[in-house]
Amino acid sequence: MHKLFFLATTLFATTLSFQACDDNSNDPKPSSSDPIANIQQGTWRISLHSDDGTDKTSRFGNYSLTFSNGTVTARKDASTITGTYRKGTDDSKQKFYLEFNPSLSPWNELNEDWEILESTGNKLRLKDESGGSSGTDLLTFEKN
Protein backbone atom coordinates (compact mmCIF):
# COMPACT_ATOMS: atom_id res chain seq x y z
CA MET A 1 0.00 0.00 0.00
CA HIS A 2 2.89 2.33 0.84
CA LYS A 3 4.44 1.74 -2.61
CA LEU A 4 1.13 2.49 -4.32
CA PHE A 5 0.80 5.80 -2.42
CA PHE A 6 4.39 6.76 -3.37
CA LEU A 7 3.77 5.90 -7.04
CA ALA A 8 0.52 7.90 -7.16
CA THR A 9 2.18 10.91 -5.47
CA THR A 10 5.12 10.81 -7.90
CA LEU A 11 2.79 10.55 -10.91
CA PHE A 12 0.69 13.48 -9.63
CA ALA A 13 3.79 15.68 -9.06
CA THR A 14 5.15 14.86 -12.52
CA THR A 15 1.82 15.74 -14.14
CA LEU A 16 1.74 19.09 -12.33
CA SER A 17 5.28 19.96 -13.39
CA PHE A 18 4.44 19.37 -17.07
CA GLN A 19 1.35 21.54 -16.79
CA ALA A 20 3.37 24.32 -15.16
CA CYS A 21 5.73 24.33 -18.17
CA ASP A 22 2.87 24.72 -20.63
CA ASP A 23 3.45 27.77 -22.85
CA ASN A 24 0.57 30.20 -22.59
CA SER A 25 0.69 32.38 -25.70
CA ASN A 26 -1.69 34.88 -24.07
CA ASP A 27 0.93 35.90 -21.50
CA PRO A 28 2.55 39.25 -22.33
CA LYS A 29 6.18 38.94 -23.33
CA PRO A 30 8.69 41.23 -21.61
CA SER A 31 10.41 43.75 -23.86
CA SER A 32 13.94 42.94 -24.92
CA SER A 33 16.72 44.44 -22.85
CA ASP A 34 18.96 44.42 -25.93
CA PRO A 35 19.42 48.09 -26.86
CA ILE A 36 20.10 47.27 -30.52
CA ALA A 37 16.91 45.24 -30.89
CA ASN A 38 14.91 47.96 -29.13
CA ILE A 39 16.30 51.03 -30.86
CA GLN A 40 15.96 49.59 -34.37
CA GLN A 41 12.17 49.67 -33.95
CA GLY A 42 10.47 52.93 -35.01
CA THR A 43 11.69 56.51 -34.73
CA TRP A 44 13.29 58.15 -31.72
CA ARG A 45 14.09 61.57 -30.29
CA ILE A 46 16.67 62.86 -27.87
CA SER A 47 14.69 63.69 -24.74
CA LEU A 48 17.75 64.53 -22.62
CA HIS A 49 21.33 65.57 -23.25
CA SER A 50 23.01 66.82 -20.10
CA ASP A 51 26.67 67.84 -20.36
CA ASP A 52 28.18 67.93 -16.86
CA GLY A 53 24.87 69.16 -15.41
CA THR A 54 24.10 71.64 -18.22
CA ASP A 55 20.93 70.76 -20.16
CA LYS A 56 21.71 70.87 -23.89
CA THR A 57 18.68 68.91 -25.08
CA SER A 58 17.17 71.77 -27.10
CA ARG A 59 20.03 71.63 -29.63
CA PHE A 60 18.63 68.31 -30.84
CA GLY A 61 14.97 69.39 -30.78
CA ASN A 62 12.61 68.27 -33.52
CA TYR A 63 15.08 65.73 -34.94
CA SER A 64 13.62 62.29 -35.60
CA LEU A 65 16.19 59.51 -35.40
CA THR A 66 16.17 56.07 -36.97
CA PHE A 67 18.66 53.31 -36.22
CA SER A 68 19.29 50.59 -38.78
CA ASN A 69 22.18 48.20 -39.40
CA GLY A 70 24.73 50.30 -37.54
CA THR A 71 23.70 53.64 -39.08
CA VAL A 72 21.84 56.34 -37.16
CA THR A 73 20.00 58.95 -39.25
CA ALA A 74 18.65 62.17 -37.74
CA ARG A 75 16.15 64.16 -39.80
CA LYS A 76 14.61 67.58 -39.28
CA ASP A 77 12.93 69.39 -42.16
CA ALA A 78 15.46 69.26 -45.05
CA SER A 79 18.42 68.51 -42.76
CA THR A 80 19.81 64.96 -42.51
CA ILE A 81 22.65 63.95 -40.19
CA THR A 82 24.15 60.44 -40.22
CA GLY A 83 26.44 58.59 -37.87
CA THR A 84 27.12 55.10 -36.62
CA TYR A 85 26.18 53.12 -33.52
CA ARG A 86 27.05 49.78 -31.99
CA LYS A 87 26.86 47.89 -28.72
CA GLY A 88 29.88 46.58 -26.85
CA THR A 89 31.35 45.86 -23.45
CA ASP A 90 34.06 47.77 -21.63
CA ASP A 91 35.15 47.30 -18.00
CA SER A 92 32.37 44.69 -17.63
CA LYS A 93 29.74 47.34 -18.50
CA GLN A 94 27.36 47.25 -21.42
CA LYS A 95 28.16 50.20 -23.69
CA PHE A 96 26.40 51.97 -26.56
CA TYR A 97 28.90 53.62 -28.92
CA LEU A 98 27.88 56.63 -31.02
CA GLU A 99 30.00 58.32 -33.67
CA PHE A 100 29.20 61.34 -35.81
CA ASN A 101 31.50 63.42 -38.01
CA PRO A 102 33.94 65.10 -35.57
CA SER A 103 33.40 68.51 -37.20
CA LEU A 104 29.60 68.31 -37.03
CA SER A 105 28.55 70.29 -33.93
CA PRO A 106 26.56 69.60 -31.73
CA TRP A 107 26.32 65.97 -32.89
CA ASN A 108 30.03 65.38 -32.33
CA GLU A 109 29.44 65.84 -28.58
CA LEU A 110 27.59 62.51 -28.64
CA ASN A 111 30.72 60.65 -29.81
CA GLU A 112 31.20 58.56 -26.68
CA ASP A 113 31.18 55.07 -25.27
CA TRP A 114 27.96 55.49 -23.31
CA GLU A 115 27.19 53.17 -20.41
CA ILE A 116 23.71 51.69 -20.77
CA LEU A 117 21.61 52.50 -17.71
CA GLU A 118 18.20 51.40 -19.06
CA SER A 119 17.00 49.81 -22.27
CA THR A 120 13.30 49.23 -22.98
CA GLY A 121 11.12 49.30 -26.06
CA ASN A 122 10.42 53.01 -25.42
CA LYS A 123 13.57 54.39 -23.80
CA LEU A 124 17.35 54.13 -23.89
CA ARG A 125 19.13 55.91 -21.00
CA LEU A 126 22.89 56.37 -21.23
CA LYS A 127 25.68 57.84 -19.11
CA ASP A 128 29.26 58.84 -19.82
CA GLU A 129 31.70 59.58 -17.02
CA SER A 130 34.73 61.36 -18.40
CA GLY A 131 38.11 60.71 -16.88
CA GLY A 132 39.56 63.22 -14.46
CA SER A 133 37.20 65.89 -13.19
CA SER A 134 35.27 66.39 -16.44
CA GLY A 135 31.99 65.23 -14.93
CA THR A 136 29.09 63.12 -16.09
CA ASP A 137 27.08 63.39 -19.30
CA LEU A 138 23.60 61.91 -19.68
CA LEU A 139 21.78 61.00 -22.90
CA THR A 140 18.27 59.64 -23.25
CA PHE A 141 16.49 58.51 -26.41
CA GLU A 142 12.72 58.09 -26.28
CA LYS A 143 10.53 56.50 -28.90
CA ASN A 144 8.27 58.86 -30.86
C-alpha atoms as a PDB file:
ATOM      1  CA  MET A   1       0.000   0.000   0.000  1.00  0.00           C
ATOM      2  CA  HIS A   2       2.889   2.328   0.839  1.00  0.00           C
ATOM      3  CA  LYS A   3       4.438   1.738  -2.611  1.00  0.00           C
ATOM      4  CA  LEU A   4       1.128   2.492  -4.323  1.00  0.00           C
ATOM      5  CA  PHE A   5       0.803   5.796  -2.424  1.00  0.00           C
ATOM      6  CA  PHE A   6       4.389   6.755  -3.365  1.00  0.00           C
ATOM      7  CA  LEU A   7       3.772   5.895  -7.035  1.00  0.00           C
ATOM      8  CA  ALA A   8       0.523   7.902  -7.156  1.00  0.00           C
ATOM      9  CA  THR A   9       2.176  10.912  -5.472  1.00  0.00           C
ATOM     10  CA  THR A  10       5.120  10.811  -7.905  1.00  0.00           C
ATOM     11  CA  LEU A  11       2.789  10.545 -10.909  1.00  0.00           C
ATOM     12  CA  PHE A  12       0.691  13.479  -9.630  1.00  0.00           C
ATOM     13  CA  ALA A  13       3.787  15.680  -9.055  1.00  0.00           C
ATOM     14  CA  THR A  14       5.146  14.858 -12.522  1.00  0.00           C
ATOM     15  CA  THR A  15       1.823  15.741 -14.141  1.00  0.00           C
ATOM     16  CA  LEU A  16       1.741  19.091 -12.326  1.00  0.00           C
ATOM     17  CA  SER A  17       5.279  19.965 -13.391  1.00  0.00           C
ATOM     18  CA  PHE A  18       4.436  19.374 -17.070  1.00  0.00           C
ATOM     19  CA  GLN A  19       1.349  21.544 -16.788  1.00  0.00           C
ATOM     20  CA  ALA A  20       3.371  24.321 -15.161  1.00  0.00           C
ATOM     21  CA  CYS A  21       5.732  24.333 -18.173  1.00  0.00           C
ATOM     22  CA  ASP A  22       2.867  24.718 -20.634  1.00  0.00           C
ATOM     23  CA  ASP A  23       3.454  27.771 -22.847  1.00  0.00           C
ATOM     24  CA  ASN A  24       0.570  30.197 -22.588  1.00  0.00           C
ATOM     25  CA  SER A  25       0.690  32.379 -25.698  1.00  0.00           C
ATOM     26  CA  ASN A  26      -1.693  34.879 -24.072  1.00  0.00           C
ATOM     27  CA  ASP A  27       0.933  35.903 -21.498  1.00  0.00           C
ATOM     28  CA  PRO A  28       2.552  39.249 -22.331  1.00  0.00           C
ATOM     29  CA  LYS A  29       6.182  38.941 -23.335  1.00  0.00           C
ATOM     30  CA  PRO A  30       8.690  41.231 -21.609  1.00  0.00           C
ATOM     31  CA  SER A  31      10.411  43.754 -23.856  1.00  0.00           C
ATOM     32  CA  SER A  32      13.936  42.942 -24.916  1.00  0.00           C
ATOM     33  CA  SER A  33      16.721  44.445 -22.854  1.00  0.00           C
ATOM     34  CA  ASP A  34      18.964  44.424 -25.934  1.00  0.00           C
ATOM     35  CA  PRO A  35      19.424  48.090 -26.859  1.00  0.00           C
ATOM     36  CA  ILE A  36      20.103  47.275 -30.519  1.00  0.00           C
ATOM     37  CA  ALA A  37      16.909  45.239 -30.890  1.00  0.00           C
ATOM     38  CA  ASN A  38      14.911  47.956 -29.129  1.00  0.00           C
ATOM     39  CA  ILE A  39      16.300  51.031 -30.862  1.00  0.00           C
ATOM     40  CA  GLN A  40      15.959  49.588 -34.365  1.00  0.00           C
ATOM     41  CA  GLN A  41      12.171  49.675 -33.954  1.00  0.00           C
ATOM     42  CA  GLY A  42      10.466  52.931 -35.011  1.00  0.00           C
ATOM     43  CA  THR A  43      11.686  56.509 -34.734  1.00  0.00           C
ATOM     44  CA  TRP A  44      13.295  58.148 -31.720  1.00  0.00           C
ATOM     45  CA  ARG A  45      14.088  61.571 -30.293  1.00  0.00           C
ATOM     46  CA  ILE A  46      16.673  62.857 -27.866  1.00  0.00           C
ATOM     47  CA  SER A  47      14.685  63.694 -24.736  1.00  0.00           C
ATOM     48  CA  LEU A  48      17.745  64.531 -22.617  1.00  0.00           C
ATOM     49  CA  HIS A  49      21.327  65.565 -23.249  1.00  0.00           C
ATOM     50  CA  SER A  50      23.014  66.818 -20.105  1.00  0.00           C
ATOM     51  CA  ASP A  51      26.665  67.835 -20.362  1.00  0.00           C
ATOM     52  CA  ASP A  52      28.176  67.928 -16.857  1.00  0.00           C
ATOM     53  CA  GLY A  53      24.870  69.156 -15.411  1.00  0.00           C
ATOM     54  CA  THR A  54      24.096  71.635 -18.220  1.00  0.00           C
ATOM     55  CA  ASP A  55      20.933  70.761 -20.156  1.00  0.00           C
ATOM     56  CA  LYS A  56      21.708  70.869 -23.887  1.00  0.00           C
ATOM     57  CA  THR A  57      18.681  68.912 -25.077  1.00  0.00           C
ATOM     58  CA  SER A  58      17.167  71.775 -27.099  1.00  0.00           C
ATOM     59  CA  ARG A  59      20.026  71.627 -29.630  1.00  0.00           C
ATOM     60  CA  PHE A  60      18.627  68.312 -30.844  1.00  0.00           C
ATOM     61  CA  GLY A  61      14.966  69.388 -30.779  1.00  0.00           C
ATOM     62  CA  ASN A  62      12.608  68.267 -33.521  1.00  0.00           C
ATOM     63  CA  TYR A  63      15.079  65.726 -34.938  1.00  0.00           C
ATOM     64  CA  SER A  64      13.617  62.295 -35.596  1.00  0.00           C
ATOM     65  CA  LEU A  65      16.190  59.511 -35.402  1.00  0.00           C
ATOM     66  CA  THR A  66      16.167  56.074 -36.970  1.00  0.00           C
ATOM     67  CA  PHE A  67      18.663  53.311 -36.217  1.00  0.00           C
ATOM     68  CA  SER A  68      19.286  50.589 -38.779  1.00  0.00           C
ATOM     69  CA  ASN A  69      22.180  48.199 -39.400  1.00  0.00           C
ATOM     70  CA  GLY A  70      24.731  50.302 -37.537  1.00  0.00           C
ATOM     71  CA  THR A  71      23.704  53.644 -39.083  1.00  0.00           C
ATOM     72  CA  VAL A  72      21.841  56.343 -37.161  1.00  0.00           C
ATOM     73  CA  THR A  73      20.004  58.947 -39.252  1.00  0.00           C
ATOM     74  CA  ALA A  74      18.648  62.170 -37.743  1.00  0.00           C
ATOM     75  CA  ARG A  75      16.146  64.157 -39.803  1.00  0.00           C
ATOM     76  CA  LYS A  76      14.609  67.577 -39.280  1.00  0.00           C
ATOM     77  CA  ASP A  77      12.933  69.393 -42.164  1.00  0.00           C
ATOM     78  CA  ALA A  78      15.462  69.264 -45.053  1.00  0.00           C
ATOM     79  CA  SER A  79      18.422  68.505 -42.764  1.00  0.00           C
ATOM     80  CA  THR A  80      19.807  64.963 -42.512  1.00  0.00           C
ATOM     81  CA  ILE A  81      22.646  63.950 -40.193  1.00  0.00           C
ATOM     82  CA  THR A  82      24.151  60.443 -40.221  1.00  0.00           C
ATOM     83  CA  GLY A  83      26.439  58.594 -37.870  1.00  0.00           C
ATOM     84  CA  THR A  84      27.119  55.099 -36.615  1.00  0.00           C
ATOM     85  CA  TYR A  85      26.183  53.117 -33.516  1.00  0.00           C
ATOM     86  CA  ARG A  86      27.054  49.778 -31.987  1.00  0.00           C
ATOM     87  CA  LYS A  87      26.858  47.890 -28.721  1.00  0.00           C
ATOM     88  CA  GLY A  88      29.879  46.580 -26.850  1.00  0.00           C
ATOM     89  CA  THR A  89      31.350  45.861 -23.446  1.00  0.00           C
ATOM     90  CA  ASP A  90      34.058  47.775 -21.626  1.00  0.00           C
ATOM     91  CA  ASP A  91      35.150  47.302 -17.997  1.00  0.00           C
ATOM     92  CA  SER A  92      32.366  44.688 -17.630  1.00  0.00           C
ATOM     93  CA  LYS A  93      29.744  47.336 -18.496  1.00  0.00           C
ATOM     94  CA  GLN A  94      27.357  47.247 -21.425  1.00  0.00           C
ATOM     95  CA  LYS A  95      28.158  50.197 -23.693  1.00  0.00           C
ATOM     96  CA  PHE A  96      26.404  51.968 -26.561  1.00  0.00           C
ATOM     97  CA  TYR A  97      28.899  53.616 -28.921  1.00  0.00           C
ATOM     98  CA  LEU A  98      27.875  56.628 -31.022  1.00  0.00           C
ATOM     99  CA  GLU A  99      30.002  58.315 -33.672  1.00  0.00           C
ATOM    100  CA  PHE A 100      29.199  61.342 -35.813  1.00  0.00           C
ATOM    101  CA  ASN A 101      31.497  63.423 -38.014  1.00  0.00           C
ATOM    102  CA  PRO A 102      33.945  65.096 -35.575  1.00  0.00           C
ATOM    103  CA  SER A 103      33.398  68.512 -37.197  1.00  0.00           C
ATOM    104  CA  LEU A 104      29.596  68.310 -37.026  1.00  0.00           C
ATOM    105  CA  SER A 105      28.553  70.289 -33.930  1.00  0.00           C
ATOM    106  CA  PRO A 106      26.557  69.602 -31.728  1.00  0.00           C
ATOM    107  CA  TRP A 107      26.317  65.969 -32.891  1.00  0.00           C
ATOM    108  CA  ASN A 108      30.034  65.378 -32.328  1.00  0.00           C
ATOM    109  CA  GLU A 109      29.437  65.839 -28.578  1.00  0.00           C
ATOM    110  CA  LEU A 110      27.591  62.510 -28.644  1.00  0.00           C
ATOM    111  CA  ASN A 111      30.717  60.653 -29.814  1.00  0.00           C
ATOM    112  CA  GLU A 112      31.197  58.565 -26.679  1.00  0.00           C
ATOM    113  CA  ASP A 113      31.181  55.069 -25.271  1.00  0.00           C
ATOM    114  CA  TRP A 114      27.959  55.488 -23.307  1.00  0.00           C
ATOM    115  CA  GLU A 115      27.191  53.172 -20.407  1.00  0.00           C
ATOM    116  CA  ILE A 116      23.715  51.685 -20.769  1.00  0.00           C
ATOM    117  CA  LEU A 117      21.609  52.500 -17.706  1.00  0.00           C
ATOM    118  CA  GLU A 118      18.204  51.402 -19.061  1.00  0.00           C
ATOM    119  CA  SER A 119      16.995  49.805 -22.267  1.00  0.00           C
ATOM    120  CA  THR A 120      13.305  49.232 -22.978  1.00  0.00           C
ATOM    121  CA  GLY A 121      11.122  49.302 -26.063  1.00  0.00           C
ATOM    122  CA  ASN A 122      10.422  53.005 -25.419  1.00  0.00           C
ATOM    123  CA  LYS A 123      13.575  54.391 -23.802  1.00  0.00           C
ATOM    124  CA  LEU A 124      17.352  54.128 -23.887  1.00  0.00           C
ATOM    125  CA  ARG A 125      19.128  55.911 -21.003  1.00  0.00           C
ATOM    126  CA  LEU A 126      22.889  56.369 -21.230  1.00  0.00           C
ATOM    127  CA  LYS A 127      25.678  57.844 -19.107  1.00  0.00           C
ATOM    128  CA  ASP A 128      29.261  58.839 -19.818  1.00  0.00           C
ATOM    129  CA  GLU A 129      31.699  59.578 -17.024  1.00  0.00           C
ATOM    130  CA  SER A 130      34.730  61.358 -18.404  1.00  0.00           C
ATOM    131  CA  GLY A 131      38.107  60.710 -16.879  1.00  0.00           C
ATOM    132  CA  GLY A 132      39.558  63.224 -14.457  1.00  0.00           C
ATOM    133  CA  SER A 133      37.196  65.888 -13.187  1.00  0.00           C
ATOM    134  CA  SER A 134      35.273  66.393 -16.437  1.00  0.00           C
ATOM    135  CA  GLY A 135      31.995  65.230 -14.931  1.00  0.00           C
ATOM    136  CA  THR A 136      29.095  63.124 -16.094  1.00  0.00           C
ATOM    137  CA  ASP A 137      27.078  63.392 -19.301  1.00  0.00           C
ATOM    138  CA  LEU A 138      23.601  61.909 -19.678  1.00  0.00           C
ATOM    139  CA  LEU A 139      21.783  61.004 -22.904  1.00  0.00           C
ATOM    140  CA  THR A 140      18.269  59.640 -23.251  1.00  0.00           C
ATOM    141  CA  PHE A 141      16.490  58.509 -26.409  1.00  0.00           C
ATOM    142  CA  GLU A 142      12.717  58.087 -26.283  1.00  0.00           C
ATOM    143  CA  LYS A 143      10.530  56.497 -28.900  1.00  0.00           C
ATOM    144  CA  ASN A 144       8.269  58.860 -30.860  1.00  0.00           C
END
